[in-house]
N, C-alpha and C. Protein backbone atom coordinates (compact mmCIF):
# COMPACT_ATOMS: atom_id res chain seq x y z
N MET A 1 -70.92 32.95 45.21
CA MET A 1 -69.83 32.84 45.85
C MET A 1 -69.82 31.82 47.44
N ALA A 2 -70.91 31.20 47.39
CA ALA A 2 -71.12 30.19 48.33
C ALA A 2 -70.26 28.41 47.82
N GLU A 3 -71.25 28.82 46.27
CA GLU A 3 -71.04 27.68 45.17
C GLU A 3 -69.47 27.55 44.91
N LYS A 4 -68.88 28.77 45.47
CA LYS A 4 -67.42 28.38 44.43
C LYS A 4 -66.53 27.77 46.04
N LYS A 5 -67.63 27.68 46.98
CA LYS A 5 -66.27 27.34 47.54
C LYS A 5 -66.53 25.84 48.56
N GLU A 6 -67.93 25.62 47.10
CA GLU A 6 -68.19 23.70 47.66
C GLU A 6 -67.16 22.99 46.96
N THR A 7 -66.89 23.83 46.10
CA THR A 7 -65.99 23.37 45.26
C THR A 7 -64.63 23.35 45.13
N LYS A 8 -64.29 24.35 46.36
CA LYS A 8 -62.71 24.03 46.35
C LYS A 8 -63.04 23.38 47.97
N ILE A 9 -63.80 22.89 49.20
CA ILE A 9 -63.90 21.41 49.60
C ILE A 9 -63.98 20.85 48.96
N THR A 10 -64.69 20.50 47.94
CA THR A 10 -64.59 19.22 47.02
C THR A 10 -63.03 18.83 46.55
N LYS A 11 -62.31 19.77 46.11
CA LYS A 11 -61.38 20.02 45.23
C LYS A 11 -60.44 18.92 46.70
N LYS A 12 -60.43 19.82 47.70
CA LYS A 12 -58.80 19.40 48.38
C LYS A 12 -60.12 17.73 49.20
N GLU A 13 -60.80 17.84 48.99
CA GLU A 13 -61.75 16.14 49.34
C GLU A 13 -60.69 15.31 48.83
N THR A 14 -60.98 15.41 46.72
CA THR A 14 -60.10 14.57 46.48
C THR A 14 -58.88 14.17 45.81
N LYS A 15 -58.06 15.44 46.72
CA LYS A 15 -56.46 15.27 46.55
C LYS A 15 -56.21 14.75 47.52
N VAL A 16 -57.24 14.53 48.96
CA VAL A 16 -56.66 13.54 50.45
C VAL A 16 -57.22 12.11 50.10
N THR A 17 -58.09 12.14 48.74
CA THR A 17 -58.39 11.33 48.61
C THR A 17 -57.39 10.72 47.72
N LYS A 18 -57.25 10.85 46.11
CA LYS A 18 -56.02 10.56 46.06
C LYS A 18 -54.53 10.01 46.81
N LYS A 19 -53.90 11.19 47.61
CA LYS A 19 -52.77 10.72 47.89
C LYS A 19 -53.27 9.14 49.11
N GLU A 20 -54.10 9.37 49.67
CA GLU A 20 -54.55 7.93 50.39
C GLU A 20 -54.50 6.40 50.04
N THR A 21 -54.62 6.63 47.89
CA THR A 21 -55.09 5.50 47.52
C THR A 21 -53.59 5.37 46.57
N LYS A 22 -52.78 6.37 47.26
CA LYS A 22 -51.34 5.87 46.68
C LYS A 22 -50.97 5.13 47.91
N GLU A 23 -50.34 6.27 49.04
CA GLU A 23 -50.47 4.79 50.34
C GLU A 23 -50.79 3.67 50.11
N LYS A 24 -51.71 3.36 50.09
CA LYS A 24 -52.34 2.01 50.26
C LYS A 24 -51.69 1.14 49.58
N VAL A 25 -51.46 1.97 47.38
CA VAL A 25 -50.67 0.32 46.50
C VAL A 25 -49.16 0.83 46.82
N ALA A 26 -48.56 1.20 47.55
CA ALA A 26 -47.12 1.29 47.55
C ALA A 26 -47.00 -0.02 49.17
N VAL A 27 -48.11 0.22 49.79
CA VAL A 27 -47.69 -0.62 50.53
C VAL A 27 -48.25 -2.60 50.48
N GLU A 28 -49.31 -2.26 48.99
CA GLU A 28 -49.52 -3.47 48.66
C GLU A 28 -48.44 -4.22 47.46
N GLU A 29 -47.30 -3.42 46.69
CA GLU A 29 -47.27 -3.61 46.19
C GLU A 29 -46.53 -4.64 45.81
N PRO A 30 -46.48 -5.74 45.24
CA PRO A 30 -45.49 -7.01 45.43
C PRO A 30 -43.95 -6.60 44.52
N HIS A 31 -42.74 -7.83 45.51
CA HIS A 31 -41.45 -7.33 45.36
C HIS A 31 -41.40 -9.04 44.60
N PHE A 32 -40.21 -8.39 42.79
CA PHE A 32 -40.09 -9.53 43.01
C PHE A 32 -38.41 -9.31 42.22
N VAL A 33 -37.64 -9.83 42.35
CA VAL A 33 -36.08 -10.86 42.05
C VAL A 33 -36.38 -11.23 40.96
N TYR A 34 -36.13 -10.52 39.82
CA TYR A 34 -35.85 -11.38 38.25
C TYR A 34 -34.53 -11.84 38.31
N ILE A 35 -34.78 -13.46 38.04
CA ILE A 35 -32.92 -13.92 37.51
C ILE A 35 -32.89 -13.38 35.95
N GLY A 36 -31.15 -13.38 36.20
CA GLY A 36 -30.39 -13.53 34.83
C GLY A 36 -28.95 -13.89 34.38
N LYS A 37 -28.21 -13.43 33.85
CA LYS A 37 -26.75 -13.84 33.44
C LYS A 37 -25.74 -13.06 34.75
N LYS A 38 -26.04 -12.39 35.50
CA LYS A 38 -25.68 -12.03 36.60
C LYS A 38 -24.70 -13.69 38.14
N GLY A 39 -24.09 -12.73 38.40
CA GLY A 39 -23.60 -14.06 39.55
C GLY A 39 -24.23 -14.04 40.56
N VAL A 40 -24.95 -15.43 41.30
CA VAL A 40 -25.94 -15.73 42.52
C VAL A 40 -25.67 -15.17 43.72
N MET A 41 -24.52 -14.02 43.38
CA MET A 41 -24.34 -13.78 45.28
C MET A 41 -25.40 -12.11 44.46
N ALA A 42 -25.10 -11.35 42.93
CA ALA A 42 -25.88 -10.39 43.01
C ALA A 42 -27.73 -10.84 43.46
N TYR A 43 -27.72 -11.50 42.78
CA TYR A 43 -29.35 -11.87 43.57
C TYR A 43 -29.39 -12.58 44.05
N VAL A 44 -28.77 -12.96 46.28
CA VAL A 44 -28.80 -13.01 47.11
C VAL A 44 -29.15 -11.54 47.56
N LEU A 45 -28.21 -11.38 47.52
CA LEU A 45 -27.95 -9.37 47.77
C LEU A 45 -29.22 -8.67 47.72
N ALA A 46 -29.96 -8.51 46.05
CA ALA A 46 -31.01 -8.38 45.76
C ALA A 46 -32.05 -9.31 46.75
N ILE A 47 -32.20 -10.24 46.63
CA ILE A 47 -33.94 -10.73 48.21
C ILE A 47 -33.02 -9.72 49.29
N MET A 48 -32.20 -10.14 49.87
CA MET A 48 -31.52 -10.14 51.22
C MET A 48 -32.17 -8.26 51.31
N THR A 49 -32.33 -7.80 50.58
CA THR A 49 -32.04 -6.54 50.31
C THR A 49 -33.33 -6.36 50.98
N GLN A 50 -34.47 -7.02 50.02
CA GLN A 50 -35.66 -7.02 49.99
C GLN A 50 -36.41 -6.63 50.99
N PHE A 51 -35.71 -7.72 51.67
CA PHE A 51 -35.93 -8.48 52.93
C PHE A 51 -36.07 -7.08 54.39
N SER A 52 -35.01 -6.40 53.51
CA SER A 52 -34.44 -5.60 55.23
C SER A 52 -34.80 -4.18 55.10
N GLU A 53 -35.83 -4.12 54.19
CA GLU A 53 -36.45 -2.50 53.47
C GLU A 53 -38.04 -3.16 54.02
N GLY A 54 -38.48 -4.07 54.83
CA GLY A 54 -39.15 -4.05 55.12
C GLY A 54 -40.46 -5.49 54.38
N ALA A 55 -40.09 -5.37 53.35
CA ALA A 55 -40.56 -6.73 52.58
C ALA A 55 -41.05 -7.76 53.02
N LYS A 56 -42.31 -8.45 53.07
CA LYS A 56 -42.62 -9.31 53.70
C LYS A 56 -42.48 -10.50 52.57
N GLU A 57 -43.01 -11.03 51.24
CA GLU A 57 -43.05 -11.78 50.36
C GLU A 57 -42.31 -11.05 49.02
N ILE A 58 -41.34 -11.84 48.49
CA ILE A 58 -40.71 -11.60 47.79
C ILE A 58 -41.14 -12.55 46.46
N SER A 59 -41.65 -12.94 45.14
CA SER A 59 -40.73 -13.33 44.22
C SER A 59 -39.98 -13.37 43.17
N ILE A 60 -39.33 -14.93 43.04
CA ILE A 60 -38.22 -14.77 42.18
C ILE A 60 -38.47 -15.60 41.19
N LYS A 61 -38.44 -15.01 40.33
CA LYS A 61 -38.58 -14.92 38.99
C LYS A 61 -37.83 -15.84 37.27
N ALA A 62 -37.59 -16.59 37.14
CA ALA A 62 -36.30 -17.16 36.50
C ALA A 62 -36.47 -17.47 35.12
N ARG A 63 -35.72 -17.30 33.91
CA ARG A 63 -36.17 -18.54 32.80
C ARG A 63 -35.31 -19.32 32.34
N GLY A 64 -35.52 -20.42 31.34
CA GLY A 64 -35.03 -20.89 31.27
C GLY A 64 -33.57 -21.74 31.53
N LYS A 65 -31.79 -21.84 31.36
CA LYS A 65 -30.75 -21.45 32.05
C LYS A 65 -30.74 -20.48 33.23
N SER A 66 -31.29 -19.72 33.34
CA SER A 66 -30.88 -19.36 34.45
C SER A 66 -31.82 -19.37 36.02
N ILE A 67 -32.81 -21.03 35.33
CA ILE A 67 -33.96 -21.57 36.57
C ILE A 67 -32.41 -22.11 37.61
N SER A 68 -31.62 -22.22 37.11
CA SER A 68 -30.59 -23.47 38.61
C SER A 68 -29.96 -22.72 39.14
N ARG A 69 -29.81 -20.73 38.52
CA ARG A 69 -29.09 -20.60 39.14
C ARG A 69 -29.97 -19.09 40.26
N ALA A 70 -31.38 -19.15 39.73
CA ALA A 70 -32.65 -19.02 40.61
C ALA A 70 -32.27 -20.07 42.35
N ILE A 71 -32.20 -20.89 42.29
CA ILE A 71 -32.32 -22.04 43.02
C ILE A 71 -31.17 -21.86 43.60
N ASP A 72 -30.39 -21.51 43.24
CA ASP A 72 -29.18 -21.19 44.34
C ASP A 72 -29.11 -20.35 45.52
N ALA A 73 -29.87 -19.02 44.18
CA ALA A 73 -29.89 -17.46 45.33
C ALA A 73 -30.72 -17.86 46.71
N LEU A 74 -32.35 -18.71 45.74
CA LEU A 74 -32.75 -19.52 47.38
C LEU A 74 -32.14 -19.95 48.26
N GLU A 75 -31.41 -21.13 48.29
CA GLU A 75 -31.06 -22.04 48.96
C GLU A 75 -29.86 -21.47 49.66
N ILE A 76 -29.43 -20.27 49.07
CA ILE A 76 -28.10 -19.54 49.44
C ILE A 76 -28.74 -18.47 50.95
N VAL A 77 -30.25 -17.90 50.92
CA VAL A 77 -31.03 -16.95 51.32
C VAL A 77 -31.35 -17.68 52.68
N LYS A 78 -31.78 -19.16 52.16
CA LYS A 78 -32.51 -20.23 52.97
C LYS A 78 -31.74 -19.84 53.96
N HIS A 79 -30.73 -21.03 53.85
CA HIS A 79 -29.29 -20.67 54.99
C HIS A 79 -29.20 -19.52 55.25
N LYS A 80 -29.05 -18.56 54.77
CA LYS A 80 -28.20 -16.92 56.25
C LYS A 80 -29.16 -16.96 57.03
N GLU A 81 -30.50 -16.80 56.53
CA GLU A 81 -31.45 -16.29 57.12
C GLU A 81 -32.59 -16.83 57.94
N LEU A 82 -32.25 -17.08 59.19
CA LEU A 82 -33.67 -17.98 59.20
C LEU A 82 -34.87 -17.09 58.94
N GLY A 83 -36.03 -18.29 59.03
CA GLY A 83 -37.47 -18.35 59.61
C GLY A 83 -38.22 -17.89 57.45
N ILE A 84 -37.07 -17.70 56.74
CA ILE A 84 -37.19 -17.57 55.55
C ILE A 84 -38.00 -19.61 55.26
N GLU A 85 -39.19 -19.05 54.39
CA GLU A 85 -39.83 -19.95 53.96
C GLU A 85 -41.02 -20.22 52.24
N VAL A 86 -40.33 -21.01 52.06
CA VAL A 86 -40.80 -21.39 50.20
C VAL A 86 -42.32 -21.55 50.70
N LYS A 87 -43.28 -20.55 50.06
CA LYS A 87 -44.55 -20.07 50.20
C LYS A 87 -45.34 -21.27 48.99
N ALA A 88 -44.39 -20.82 47.71
CA ALA A 88 -45.02 -21.17 46.45
C ALA A 88 -44.24 -22.06 45.53
N ILE A 89 -44.33 -22.78 44.37
CA ILE A 89 -43.35 -22.69 43.51
C ILE A 89 -44.62 -23.28 41.71
N ASN A 90 -43.89 -21.76 41.25
CA ASN A 90 -44.82 -22.35 40.20
C ASN A 90 -44.10 -22.51 38.77
N THR A 91 -44.79 -23.31 38.08
CA THR A 91 -43.67 -23.73 37.15
C THR A 91 -44.48 -23.54 35.58
N SER A 92 -43.56 -22.72 34.65
CA SER A 92 -44.42 -22.47 33.67
C SER A 92 -43.64 -23.03 32.23
N THR A 93 -44.09 -22.74 30.40
CA THR A 93 -44.08 -22.41 29.20
C THR A 93 -44.19 -21.54 29.01
N GLU A 94 -43.44 -20.57 28.32
CA GLU A 94 -43.39 -18.97 28.03
C GLU A 94 -42.41 -19.20 26.82
N GLU A 95 -43.63 -18.43 25.88
CA GLU A 95 -43.27 -18.80 23.85
C GLU A 95 -42.66 -17.34 23.98
N VAL A 96 -40.95 -17.38 23.74
CA VAL A 96 -40.78 -16.22 22.87
C VAL A 96 -40.09 -16.44 21.72
N GLN A 97 -39.54 -15.19 20.82
CA GLN A 97 -39.06 -14.88 19.64
C GLN A 97 -37.85 -15.10 19.48
N THR A 98 -36.99 -15.74 18.69
CA THR A 98 -36.27 -15.94 18.54
C THR A 98 -35.52 -15.25 17.61
N ASP A 99 -34.40 -14.75 17.66
CA ASP A 99 -33.88 -13.33 16.24
C ASP A 99 -34.07 -13.36 14.76
N ASP A 100 -34.40 -14.74 14.16
CA ASP A 100 -34.87 -14.70 12.82
C ASP A 100 -36.72 -14.49 13.07
N GLY A 101 -36.79 -14.28 14.66
CA GLY A 101 -38.85 -14.27 13.99
C GLY A 101 -39.50 -15.66 14.56
N ARG A 102 -38.45 -16.76 14.98
CA ARG A 102 -39.15 -17.94 14.74
C ARG A 102 -39.61 -18.55 16.43
N PRO A 103 -40.53 -19.00 16.78
CA PRO A 103 -41.39 -19.60 18.06
C PRO A 103 -40.02 -20.38 19.14
N LEU A 104 -40.14 -19.84 20.34
CA LEU A 104 -39.21 -20.68 21.37
C LEU A 104 -39.77 -21.02 21.88
N LYS A 105 -40.39 -21.69 22.75
CA LYS A 105 -40.63 -22.32 24.24
C LYS A 105 -39.85 -22.79 24.65
N VAL A 106 -39.88 -21.88 26.21
CA VAL A 106 -38.84 -22.22 27.09
C VAL A 106 -39.40 -22.20 28.66
N SER A 107 -38.95 -22.87 29.45
CA SER A 107 -39.84 -23.35 30.36
C SER A 107 -39.22 -22.12 31.61
N ALA A 108 -39.83 -21.31 32.62
CA ALA A 108 -39.80 -20.36 33.54
C ALA A 108 -40.63 -21.06 35.25
N ILE A 109 -40.03 -21.17 36.11
CA ILE A 109 -40.04 -20.47 37.63
C ILE A 109 -40.38 -19.45 38.05
N GLU A 110 -40.90 -19.44 39.32
CA GLU A 110 -41.50 -18.43 40.02
C GLU A 110 -41.35 -18.71 41.41
N ILE A 111 -40.78 -18.45 42.27
CA ILE A 111 -40.20 -19.10 43.82
C ILE A 111 -40.82 -17.61 44.63
N VAL A 112 -41.59 -18.21 45.48
CA VAL A 112 -42.73 -17.16 46.52
C VAL A 112 -41.46 -17.39 47.92
N ILE A 113 -41.12 -16.46 48.07
CA ILE A 113 -41.27 -16.90 49.51
C ILE A 113 -41.58 -15.92 50.53
N LYS A 114 -41.75 -15.92 52.28
CA LYS A 114 -42.01 -15.12 52.74
C LYS A 114 -40.97 -15.36 54.40
N LYS A 115 -40.82 -14.23 54.89
CA LYS A 115 -40.56 -13.90 55.70
C LYS A 115 -41.42 -14.33 57.37
């Protein structure tokens, strides 16, 4: 019987460890806003909402024709909210498939901002 008690204690310790791990992961989770075809103000609202929920750093990502919309959203947020600064701007080229299966190269941008 003594062995069973030790097993139960170990299980409880394991559950606490998993719970603590989940809490740590949730805190370190990065925040993203993917820019698409919606209006610019929809993305401004998404960025502002994430900052109001406690995000310290947000990554704004866009591809192709949406890149200009991402920059517009960034500029509006910078002018509305004091203390926002651009931490990094990364550009790249991604290869995607067209409807008929051909590869197509598309420009992409990632803008990391922090409060």
